C-alpha cells in the first residue's frame, strides 16, 4: 500500500480514469438493463465497471474492506473500508442522459480519508484527502484547480439541488413539498440532477450552493462528502449533526445557507421509518 494519502489518491485516480472511459464508450449503447426493485435500474456496465475497480483496489490495497453497490461487503484485515459506486446515476445512464459519475472513497474507523468523484461526460474529476483540500481536475482539458473555501451564501442567492427515492411513497410527497418551500423562500432555483455524488461535489465547487436528499446509501455520499467538506461546505444529517458518513438523509451547503436549509427542512417535520426506505432515485 502506498505510504501517504496523497500517493494513495494518485492510485485511485489511475483506477477511476479508465473506468470512466468505459462508461463514455458505452453511453447510448447500453446492453442489458434490469430492475432491482421499484424503479431502480441496473445495467451491465454497473457490474463491469465495479469489477474493474475492485480488481485494482485488491491489487493495491489487499487488506482493506470494501462496501460496493453491486457486490456488497468484502471483509478486510485493516481498519479501513472502501465505498464504491461504479455508476451513480444509473437511470440517467440507461436513458443516455449524460449526468452520471463514479464514486470511490476510503474511510477508517473514525474519518473519511480519500474521496474521488469522476463525472466523465462533464470532464470533471474531483479529488480530496483528509486535511489536504480538494481539487477539480479536467483530464480532457489538461487543467487542475484547487477548490477555494466556500463563502457564506443566503437562501435568496442560492441554487439548490435535491433527489427523489426509487420507492414512490409518502416521502416523495414530503420532498416535493420541500421543493416548494425552498422556491417560496426565493432561492434562485432547485435542480434535480440524478447523481448524489455529483450534487455533493458541485456544492464543493460552487456550481450549487446547497443540496438535500432522503434515503441515500454510503456509496452514494462518502466520496462527495469528503470533497465538499474539504472545500469548506457543511455536510450533516437533517438535524444538523455531523458524522463520518451520512448515507440516509443528508444536507450539504455553503456556510450560512446550511443553517437556513436545516430550518426549512425541520419545519416540514421528520419522516417516519416507513417514509424513509433505503434506496434513492439519484
C-alpha atoms as a PDB file:
ATOM      1  CA  UNK A   1       0.000   0.000   0.000  1.00  0.00           C
ATOM      2  CA  UNK A   2       1.275   3.476  -0.858  1.00  0.00           C
ATOM      3  CA  UNK A   3       2.688   5.305   2.150  1.00  0.00           C
ATOM      4  CA  UNK A   4       0.838   8.632   2.133  1.00  0.00           C
ATOM      5  CA  UNK A   5      -2.766   9.621   1.498  1.00  0.00           C
ATOM      6  CA  UNK A   6      -1.648  11.688  -1.478  1.00  0.00           C
ATOM      7  CA  UNK A   7       0.109   8.681  -3.021  1.00  0.00           C
ATOM      8  CA  UNK A   8      -2.974   6.560  -2.434  1.00  0.00           C
ATOM      9  CA  UNK A   9      -5.108   9.243  -4.056  1.00  0.00           C
ATOM     10  CA  UNK A  10      -2.932   9.074  -7.152  1.00  0.00           C
ATOM     11  CA  UNK A  11      -3.505   5.324  -7.309  1.00  0.00           C
ATOM     12  CA  UNK A  12      -7.272   5.759  -7.121  1.00  0.00           C
ATOM     13  CA  UNK A  13      -7.220   8.408  -9.844  1.00  0.00           C
ATOM     14  CA  UNK A  14      -5.409   5.978 -12.114  1.00  0.00           C
ATOM     15  CA  UNK A  15      -8.095   3.367 -11.459  1.00  0.00           C
ATOM     16  CA  UNK A  16     -11.052   5.696 -11.941  1.00  0.00           C
ATOM     17  CA  UNK A  17      -9.973   7.374 -15.185  1.00  0.00           C
ATOM     18  CA  UNK A  18     -10.050   4.237 -17.389  1.00  0.00           C
ATOM     19  CA  UNK A  19     -13.287   3.147 -15.715  1.00  0.00           C
ATOM     20  CA  UNK A  20     -14.799   6.443 -16.793  1.00  0.00           C
ATOM     21  CA  UNK A  21     -13.652   5.813 -20.343  1.00  0.00           C
ATOM     22  CA  UNK A  22     -15.565   2.530 -20.340  1.00  0.00           C
ATOM     23  CA  UNK A  23     -18.726   4.385 -19.357  1.00  0.00           C
ATOM     24  CA  UNK A  24     -18.198   7.049 -22.014  1.00  0.00           C
ATOM     25  CA  UNK A  25     -17.522   4.497 -24.732  1.00  0.00           C
ATOM     26  CA  UNK A  26     -20.788   2.706 -23.962  1.00  0.00           C
ATOM     27  CA  UNK A  27     -23.063   5.699 -23.346  1.00  0.00           C
ATOM     28  CA  UNK A  28     -26.063   5.331 -25.608  1.00  0.00           C
ATOM     29  CA  UNK A  29     -25.208   1.676 -26.299  1.00  0.00           C
ATOM     30  CA  UNK A  30     -26.179   0.041 -23.024  1.00  0.00           C
ATOM     31  CA  UNK A  31     -26.803  -3.667 -23.333  1.00  0.00           C
ATOM     32  CA  UNK A  32     -28.756  -5.303 -20.566  1.00  0.00           C
ATOM     33  CA  UNK A  33     -30.908  -3.174 -18.241  1.00  0.00           C
ATOM     34  CA  UNK A  34     -32.629  -4.838 -15.276  1.00  0.00           C
ATOM     35  CA  UNK A  35     -34.866  -3.582 -12.475  1.00  0.00           C
ATOM     36  CA  UNK A  36     -33.525  -4.171  -8.963  1.00  0.00           C
ATOM     37  CA  UNK A  37     -36.717  -3.123  -7.234  1.00  0.00           C
ATOM     38  CA  UNK A  38     -39.379  -0.430  -7.594  1.00  0.00           C
ATOM     39  CA  UNK A  39     -37.953   1.929 -10.262  1.00  0.00           C
ATOM     40  CA  UNK A  40     -34.262   1.229  -9.532  1.00  0.00           C
ATOM     41  CA  UNK A  41     -32.332   0.180 -12.629  1.00  0.00           C
ATOM     42  CA  UNK A  42     -29.029  -1.635 -13.056  1.00  0.00           C
ATOM     43  CA  UNK A  43     -27.117  -2.019 -16.316  1.00  0.00           C
ATOM     44  CA  UNK A  44     -24.431  -4.451 -17.387  1.00  0.00           C
ATOM     45  CA  UNK A  45     -21.984  -1.533 -17.118  1.00  0.00           C
ATOM     46  CA  UNK A  46     -22.562  -1.205 -13.343  1.00  0.00           C
ATOM     47  CA  UNK A  47     -21.099  -4.648 -12.720  1.00  0.00           C
ATOM     48  CA  UNK A  48     -18.402  -4.370 -15.358  1.00  0.00           C
ATOM     49  CA  UNK A  49     -17.001  -1.107 -14.010  1.00  0.00           C
ATOM     50  CA  UNK A  50     -17.303  -2.268 -10.407  1.00  0.00           C
ATOM     51  CA  UNK A  51     -15.298  -5.418 -11.187  1.00  0.00           C
ATOM     52  CA  UNK A  52     -12.620  -3.277 -12.819  1.00  0.00           C
ATOM     53  CA  UNK A  53     -12.366  -1.011  -9.779  1.00  0.00           C
ATOM     54  CA  UNK A  54     -12.405  -3.896  -7.298  1.00  0.00           C
ATOM     55  CA  UNK A  55      -9.605  -5.637  -9.150  1.00  0.00           C
ATOM     56  CA  UNK A  56      -7.402  -2.550  -8.871  1.00  0.00           C
ATOM     57  CA  UNK A  57      -8.197  -1.925  -5.215  1.00  0.00           C
ATOM     58  CA  UNK A  58      -7.480  -5.559  -4.367  1.00  0.00           C
ATOM     59  CA  UNK A  59      -4.107  -5.251  -6.076  1.00  0.00           C
ATOM     60  CA  UNK A  60      -3.038  -2.049  -4.314  1.00  0.00           C
ATOM     61  CA  UNK A  61      -4.924  -2.300  -1.000  1.00  0.00           C
ATOM     62  CA  UNK A  62      -5.386  -6.034  -0.352  1.00  0.00           C
ATOM     63  CA  UNK A  63      -6.064  -5.748   3.390  1.00  0.00           C
ATOM     64  CA  UNK A  64      -8.877  -3.205   3.169  1.00  0.00           C
ATOM     65  CA  UNK A  65     -12.575  -3.989   3.400  1.00  0.00           C
ATOM     66  CA  UNK A  66     -14.976  -2.954   0.638  1.00  0.00           C
ATOM     67  CA  UNK A  67     -18.626  -1.924   0.543  1.00  0.00           C
ATOM     68  CA  UNK A  68     -19.694  -1.741  -3.097  1.00  0.00           C
ATOM     69  CA  UNK A  69     -23.130  -1.088  -4.541  1.00  0.00           C
ATOM     70  CA  UNK A  70     -23.385  -4.193  -6.710  1.00  0.00           C
ATOM     71  CA  UNK A  71     -21.260  -6.808  -4.933  1.00  0.00           C
ATOM     72  CA  UNK A  72     -21.863  -5.757  -1.336  1.00  0.00           C
ATOM     73  CA  UNK A  73     -19.415  -6.344   1.527  1.00  0.00           C
ATOM     74  CA  UNK A  74     -15.926  -7.767   1.355  1.00  0.00           C
ATOM     75  CA  UNK A  75     -14.193  -8.222   4.693  1.00  0.00           C
ATOM     76  CA  UNK A  76     -10.669  -6.961   5.291  1.00  0.00           C
ATOM     77  CA  UNK A  77      -7.892  -7.236   7.829  1.00  0.00           C
ATOM     78  CA  UNK A  78      -7.319  -3.483   8.256  1.00  0.00           C
ATOM     79  CA  UNK A  79      -9.487  -0.815   9.871  1.00  0.00           C
ATOM     80  CA  UNK A  80     -10.215   0.778   6.500  1.00  0.00           C
ATOM     81  CA  UNK A  81     -13.191   0.419   4.157  1.00  0.00           C
ATOM     82  CA  UNK A  82     -13.640   1.456   0.537  1.00  0.00           C
ATOM     83  CA  UNK A  83     -17.061   2.699  -0.564  1.00  0.00           C
ATOM     84  CA  UNK A  84     -17.664   2.194  -4.279  1.00  0.00           C
ATOM     85  CA  UNK A  85     -20.460   3.272  -6.588  1.00  0.00           C
ATOM     86  CA  UNK A  86     -19.394   2.278 -10.111  1.00  0.00           C
ATOM     87  CA  UNK A  87     -22.222   4.216 -11.757  1.00  0.00           C
ATOM     88  CA  UNK A  88     -24.034   6.823  -9.698  1.00  0.00           C
ATOM     89  CA  UNK A  89     -26.885   7.957 -11.903  1.00  0.00           C
ATOM     90  CA  UNK A  90     -27.683   4.592 -13.472  1.00  0.00           C
ATOM     91  CA  UNK A  91     -31.156   5.697 -14.536  1.00  0.00           C
ATOM     92  CA  UNK A  92     -29.648   8.683 -16.346  1.00  0.00           C
ATOM     93  CA  UNK A  93     -27.062   6.450 -17.983  1.00  0.00           C
ATOM     94  CA  UNK A  94     -29.606   3.855 -19.089  1.00  0.00           C
ATOM     95  CA  UNK A  95     -31.544   6.616 -20.853  1.00  0.00           C
ATOM     96  CA  UNK A  96     -28.436   8.145 -22.435  1.00  0.00           C
ATOM     97  CA  UNK A  97     -28.658  11.215 -20.200  1.00  0.00           C
ATOM     98  CA  UNK A  98     -25.025  12.220 -19.558  1.00  0.00           C
ATOM     99  CA  UNK A  99     -25.246  13.207 -15.878  1.00  0.00           C
ATOM    100  CA  UNK A 100     -23.571  10.292 -14.087  1.00  0.00           C
ATOM    101  CA  UNK A 101     -20.415   9.552 -12.127  1.00  0.00           C
ATOM    102  CA  UNK A 102     -18.084   7.066 -10.470  1.00  0.00           C
ATOM    103  CA  UNK A 103     -17.670   7.499  -6.715  1.00  0.00           C
ATOM    104  CA  UNK A 104     -14.834   5.951  -4.679  1.00  0.00           C
ATOM    105  CA  UNK A 105     -13.975   6.760  -1.069  1.00  0.00           C
ATOM    106  CA  UNK A 106     -11.898   5.311   1.734  1.00  0.00           C
ATOM    107  CA  UNK A 107     -12.533   5.685   5.473  1.00  0.00           C
ATOM    108  CA  UNK A 108     -11.036   4.329   8.645  1.00  0.00           C
ATOM    109  CA  UNK A 109     -12.976   3.757  11.858  1.00  0.00           C
ATOM    110  CA  UNK A 110     -13.068   7.476  12.625  1.00  0.00           C
ATOM    111  CA  UNK A 111     -12.718   9.574   9.475  1.00  0.00           C
ATOM    112  CA  UNK A 112     -13.145   9.788   5.737  1.00  0.00           C
ATOM    113  CA  UNK A 113      -9.642   9.653   4.286  1.00  0.00           C
ATOM    114  CA  UNK A 114      -9.913   9.825   0.493  1.00  0.00           C
ATOM    115  CA  UNK A 115     -12.635  10.767  -1.942  1.00  0.00           C
ATOM    116  CA  UNK A 116     -12.790  10.659  -5.741  1.00  0.00           C
ATOM    117  CA  UNK A 117     -15.825  11.518  -7.874  1.00  0.00           C
ATOM    118  CA  UNK A 118     -15.445  11.322 -11.656  1.00  0.00           C
ATOM    119  CA  UNK A 119     -18.131  12.620 -13.992  1.00  0.00           C
ATOM    120  CA  UNK A 120     -16.556  11.614 -17.317  1.00  0.00           C
ATOM    121  CA  UNK A 121     -19.031  13.247 -19.691  1.00  0.00           C
ATOM    122  CA  UNK A 122     -18.608  16.545 -17.836  1.00  0.00           C
ATOM    123  CA  UNK A 123     -14.806  16.071 -17.816  1.00  0.00           C
ATOM    124  CA  UNK A 124     -14.791  16.674 -14.060  1.00  0.00           C
ATOM    125  CA  UNK A 125     -12.630  14.636 -11.692  1.00  0.00           C
ATOM    126  CA  UNK A 126     -12.929  15.778  -8.072  1.00  0.00           C
ATOM    127  CA  UNK A 127     -10.365  14.513  -5.583  1.00  0.00           C
ATOM    128  CA  UNK A 128      -9.836  15.121  -1.879  1.00  0.00           C
ATOM    129  CA  UNK A 129      -7.796  13.785   1.012  1.00  0.00           C
ATOM    130  CA  UNK A 130      -8.422  14.410   4.685  1.00  0.00           C
ATOM    131  CA  UNK A 131      -6.786  17.706   5.621  1.00  0.00           C
ATOM    132  CA  UNK A 132      -5.367  18.095   2.115  1.00  0.00           C
ATOM    133  CA  UNK A 133      -8.100  20.147   0.483  1.00  0.00           C
ATOM    134  CA  UNK A 134      -9.986  19.336  -2.695  1.00  0.00           C
ATOM    135  CA  UNK A 135      -9.207  19.746  -6.384  1.00  0.00           C
ATOM    136  CA  UNK A 136     -11.068  19.738  -9.669  1.00  0.00           C
ATOM    137  CA  UNK A 137      -9.137  18.053 -12.446  1.00  0.00           C
ATOM    138  CA  UNK A 138     -10.355  18.284 -16.024  1.00  0.00           C
ATOM    139  CA  UNK A 139      -8.454  15.470 -17.778  1.00  0.00           C
ATOM    140  CA  UNK A 140      -9.534  16.307 -21.326  1.00  0.00           C
ATOM    141  CA  UNK A 141      -8.781  19.995 -20.789  1.00  0.00           C
ATOM    142  CA  UNK A 142      -5.482  19.338 -19.022  1.00  0.00           C
ATOM    143  CA  UNK A 143      -6.284  21.604 -16.086  1.00  0.00           C
ATOM    144  CA  UNK A 144      -6.120  21.278 -12.292  1.00  0.00           C
ATOM    145  CA  UNK A 145      -7.658  23.791  -9.889  1.00  0.00           C
ATOM    146  CA  UNK A 146      -7.733  23.762  -6.110  1.00  0.00           C
ATOM    147  CA  UNK A 147     -11.251  24.370  -4.839  1.00  0.00           C
ATOM    148  CA  UNK A 148     -11.491  27.600  -2.883  1.00  0.00           C
ATOM    149  CA  UNK A 149     -13.216  27.539   0.516  1.00  0.00           C
ATOM    150  CA  UNK A 150     -16.946  28.134   0.156  1.00  0.00           C
ATOM    151  CA  UNK A 151     -18.043  31.623   1.140  1.00  0.00           C
ATOM    152  CA  UNK A 152     -21.282  32.263   3.002  1.00  0.00           C
ATOM    153  CA  UNK A 153     -24.469  32.226   0.930  1.00  0.00           C
ATOM    154  CA  UNK A 154     -28.057  33.155   1.806  1.00  0.00           C
ATOM    155  CA  UNK A 155     -31.032  31.181   0.566  1.00  0.00           C
ATOM    156  CA  UNK A 156     -32.152  34.133  -1.574  1.00  0.00           C
ATOM    157  CA  UNK A 157     -28.910  33.840  -3.568  1.00  0.00           C
ATOM    158  CA  UNK A 158     -28.698  30.061  -3.625  1.00  0.00           C
ATOM    159  CA  UNK A 159     -29.053  27.474  -6.365  1.00  0.00           C
ATOM    160  CA  UNK A 160     -30.152  24.215  -4.721  1.00  0.00           C
ATOM    161  CA  UNK A 161     -30.482  20.572  -5.718  1.00  0.00           C
ATOM    162  CA  UNK A 162     -32.278  17.503  -4.451  1.00  0.00           C
ATOM    163  CA  UNK A 163     -33.156  13.947  -5.461  1.00  0.00           C
ATOM    164  CA  UNK A 164     -36.101  11.574  -5.148  1.00  0.00           C
ATOM    165  CA  UNK A 165     -36.281   7.975  -3.897  1.00  0.00           C
ATOM    166  CA  UNK A 166     -36.914   4.963  -6.089  1.00  0.00           C
ATOM    167  CA  UNK A 167     -39.769   3.903  -3.834  1.00  0.00           C
ATOM    168  CA  UNK A 168     -42.568   6.328  -4.724  1.00  0.00           C
ATOM    169  CA  UNK A 169     -44.378   6.732  -1.408  1.00  0.00           C
ATOM    170  CA  UNK A 170     -45.156   9.479   1.108  1.00  0.00           C
ATOM    171  CA  UNK A 171     -41.512  10.573   1.174  1.00  0.00           C
ATOM    172  CA  UNK A 172     -41.881  11.794  -2.407  1.00  0.00           C
ATOM    173  CA  UNK A 173     -44.754  13.993  -1.263  1.00  0.00           C
ATOM    174  CA  UNK A 174     -42.642  15.403   1.549  1.00  0.00           C
ATOM    175  CA  UNK A 175     -39.741  16.191  -0.745  1.00  0.00           C
ATOM    176  CA  UNK A 176     -41.872  17.820  -3.426  1.00  0.00           C
ATOM    177  CA  UNK A 177     -43.279  19.929  -0.603  1.00  0.00           C
ATOM    178  CA  UNK A 178     -39.749  20.945   0.344  1.00  0.00           C
ATOM    179  CA  UNK A 179     -39.030  21.931  -3.254  1.00  0.00           C
ATOM    180  CA  UNK A 180     -41.976  24.284  -2.996  1.00  0.00           C
ATOM    181  CA  UNK A 181     -40.820  25.583   0.377  1.00  0.00           C
ATOM    182  CA  UNK A 182     -37.377  26.461  -0.961  1.00  0.00           C
ATOM    183  CA  UNK A 183     -38.801  28.059  -4.098  1.00  0.00           C
ATOM    184  CA  UNK A 184     -41.109  30.168  -1.922  1.00  0.00           C
ATOM    185  CA  UNK A 185     -38.054  31.117   0.145  1.00  0.00           C
ATOM    186  CA  UNK A 186     -36.945  32.778  -3.108  1.00  0.00           C
ATOM    187  CA  UNK A 187     -33.868  30.688  -3.824  1.00  0.00           C
ATOM    188  CA  UNK A 188     -32.603  31.013  -7.386  1.00  0.00           C
ATOM    189  CA  UNK A 189     -33.886  27.530  -8.245  1.00  0.00           C
ATOM    190  CA  UNK A 190     -33.982  23.839  -7.361  1.00  0.00           C
ATOM    191  CA  UNK A 191     -32.326  21.303  -9.658  1.00  0.00           C
ATOM    192  CA  UNK A 192     -32.597  17.502  -9.794  1.00  0.00           C
ATOM    193  CA  UNK A 193     -29.509  16.063 -11.452  1.00  0.00           C
ATOM    194  CA  UNK A 194     -29.846  12.374 -10.629  1.00  0.00           C
ATOM    195  CA  UNK A 195     -26.381  11.713  -9.171  1.00  0.00           C
ATOM    196  CA  UNK A 196     -25.919  12.342  -5.450  1.00  0.00           C
ATOM    197  CA  UNK A 197     -22.137  12.218  -5.810  1.00  0.00           C
ATOM    198  CA  UNK A 198     -22.154  14.920  -8.490  1.00  0.00           C
ATOM    199  CA  UNK A 199     -24.532  17.097  -6.493  1.00  0.00           C
ATOM    200  CA  UNK A 200     -22.196  16.939  -3.497  1.00  0.00           C
ATOM    201  CA  UNK A 201     -19.062  17.856  -5.451  1.00  0.00           C
ATOM    202  CA  UNK A 202     -20.933  20.626  -7.236  1.00  0.00           C
ATOM    203  CA  UNK A 203     -21.687  22.107  -3.817  1.00  0.00           C
ATOM    204  CA  UNK A 204     -17.946  21.883  -3.168  1.00  0.00           C
ATOM    205  CA  UNK A 205     -17.132  23.649  -6.440  1.00  0.00           C
ATOM    206  CA  UNK A 206     -19.763  26.375  -6.099  1.00  0.00           C
ATOM    207  CA  UNK A 207     -21.815  25.155  -9.061  1.00  0.00           C
ATOM    208  CA  UNK A 208     -24.543  24.510  -6.488  1.00  0.00           C
ATOM    209  CA  UNK A 209     -24.918  26.193  -3.125  1.00  0.00           C
ATOM    210  CA  UNK A 210     -26.931  23.568  -1.277  1.00  0.00           C
ATOM    211  CA  UNK A 211     -28.247  20.044  -1.663  1.00  0.00           C
ATOM    212  CA  UNK A 212     -30.566  17.791   0.327  1.00  0.00           C
ATOM    213  CA  UNK A 213     -31.843  14.270  -0.185  1.00  0.00           C
ATOM    214  CA  UNK A 214     -33.512  11.429   1.695  1.00  0.00           C
ATOM    215  CA  UNK A 215     -32.766   7.698   1.737  1.00  0.00           C
ATOM    216  CA  UNK A 216     -29.238   7.567   0.362  1.00  0.00           C
ATOM    217  CA  UNK A 217     -26.613   4.861   0.805  1.00  0.00           C
ATOM    218  CA  UNK A 218     -22.986   5.127   1.950  1.00  0.00           C
ATOM    219  CA  UNK A 219     -21.520   4.582  -1.503  1.00  0.00           C
ATOM    220  CA  UNK A 220     -23.692   7.461  -2.764  1.00  0.00           C
ATOM    221  CA  UNK A 221     -22.317  10.007  -0.328  1.00  0.00           C
ATOM    222  CA  UNK A 222     -18.899   9.031   1.065  1.00  0.00           C
ATOM    223  CA  UNK A 223     -16.617  10.485  -1.612  1.00  0.00           C
ATOM    224  CA  UNK A 224     -18.697  13.584  -2.268  1.00  0.00           C
ATOM    225  CA  UNK A 225     -18.977  14.299   1.445  1.00  0.00           C
ATOM    226  CA  UNK A 226     -15.209  14.487   1.849  1.00  0.00           C
ATOM    227  CA  UNK A 227     -14.775  16.648  -1.259  1.00  0.00           C
ATOM    228  CA  UNK A 228     -17.457  19.036  -0.020  1.00  0.00           C
ATOM    229  CA  UNK A 229     -16.051  19.256   3.496  1.00  0.00           C
ATOM    230  CA  UNK A 230     -12.515  19.816   2.257  1.00  0.00           C
ATOM    231  CA  UNK A 231     -13.877  22.731   0.203  1.00  0.00           C
ATOM    232  CA  UNK A 232     -15.450  24.289   3.287  1.00  0.00           C
ATOM    233  CA  UNK A 233     -19.046  23.158   2.807  1.00  0.00           C
ATOM    234  CA  UNK A 234     -21.026  21.722   5.713  1.00  0.00           C
ATOM    235  CA  UNK A 235     -22.370  18.181   5.359  1.00  0.00           C
ATOM    236  CA  UNK A 236     -24.696  16.828   8.046  1.00  0.00           C
ATOM    237  CA  UNK A 237     -27.888  14.915   8.608  1.00  0.00           C
ATOM    238  CA  UNK A 238     -31.159  16.828   8.528  1.00  0.00           C
ATOM    239  CA  UNK A 239     -30.896  17.696  12.192  1.00  0.00           C
ATOM    240  CA  UNK A 240     -27.522  19.345  11.623  1.00  0.00           C
ATOM    241  CA  UNK A 241     -25.453  16.557  13.187  1.00  0.00           C
ATOM    242  CA  UNK A 242     -22.113  15.720  11.596  1.00  0.00           C
ATOM    243  CA  UNK A 243     -20.919  12.136  11.280  1.00  0.00           C
ATOM    244  CA  UNK A 244     -18.214  10.269   9.428  1.00  0.00           C
ATOM    245  CA  UNK A 245     -20.528   9.195   6.604  1.00  0.00           C
ATOM    246  CA  UNK A 246     -24.160  10.200   6.120  1.00  0.00           C
ATOM    247  CA  UNK A 247     -25.977   7.761   3.912  1.00  0.00           C
ATOM    248  CA  UNK A 248     -29.657   8.227   4.575  1.00  0.00           C
ATOM    249  CA  UNK A 249     -30.810  11.838   4.983  1.00  0.00           C
ATOM    250  CA  UNK A 250     -28.264  14.486   4.066  1.00  0.00           C
ATOM    251  CA  UNK A 251     -27.859  18.253   3.797  1.00  0.00           C
ATOM    252  CA  UNK A 252     -24.767  19.800   2.191  1.00  0.00           C
ATOM    253  CA  UNK A 253     -24.420  23.541   1.826  1.00  0.00           C
ATOM    254  CA  UNK A 254     -22.195  26.572   1.943  1.00  0.00           C
ATOM    255  CA  UNK A 255     -21.738  28.244   5.337  1.00  0.00           C
ATOM    256  CA  UNK A 256     -24.695  30.377   6.343  1.00  0.00           C
ATOM    257  CA  UNK A 257     -27.041  28.635   3.919  1.00  0.00           C
ATOM    258  CA  UNK A 258     -26.677  25.322   5.713  1.00  0.00           C
ATOM    259  CA  UNK A 259     -28.478  26.504   8.828  1.00  0.00           C
ATOM    260  CA  UNK A 260     -31.214  28.122   6.756  1.00  0.00           C
ATOM    261  CA  UNK A 261     -31.784  24.843   4.948  1.00  0.00           C
ATOM    262  CA  UNK A 262     -31.900  22.902   8.210  1.00  0.00           C
ATOM    263  CA  UNK A 263     -34.547  25.320   9.464  1.00  0.00           C
ATOM    264  CA  UNK A 264     -36.733  24.940   6.361  1.00  0.00           C
ATOM    265  CA  UNK A 265     -36.434  21.142   6.403  1.00  0.00           C
ATOM    266  CA  UNK A 266     -37.143  20.997  10.136  1.00  0.00           C
ATOM    267  CA  UNK A 267     -40.338  22.964   9.709  1.00  0.00           C
ATOM    268  CA  UNK A 268     -41.667  20.273   7.367  1.00  0.00           C
ATOM    269  CA  UNK A 269     -41.273  17.537  10.002  1.00  0.00           C
ATOM    270  CA  UNK A 270     -39.086  14.421  10.145  1.00  0.00           C
ATOM    271  CA  UNK A 271     -40.016  11.359   8.061  1.00  0.00           C
ATOM    272  CA  UNK A 272     -41.219   8.240   9.812  1.00  0.00           C
ATOM    273  CA  UNK A 273     -39.393   4.921   9.414  1.00  0.00           C
ATOM    274  CA  UNK A 274     -41.999   3.930   6.826  1.00  0.00           C
ATOM    275  CA  UNK A 275     -41.288   7.119   4.911  1.00  0.00           C
ATOM    276  CA  UNK A 276     -37.543   6.566   4.953  1.00  0.00           C
ATOM    277  CA  UNK A 277     -36.774   3.387   2.983  1.00  0.00           C
ATOM    278  CA  UNK A 278     -33.232   2.757   1.839  1.00  0.00           C
ATOM    279  CA  UNK A 279     -32.797   3.497  -1.824  1.00  0.00           C
ATOM    280  CA  UNK A 280     -32.518   6.655  -3.882  1.00  0.00           C
ATOM    281  CA  UNK A 281     -33.517   7.724  -7.316  1.00  0.00           C
ATOM    282  CA  UNK A 282     -30.256   9.565  -7.836  1.00  0.00           C
END
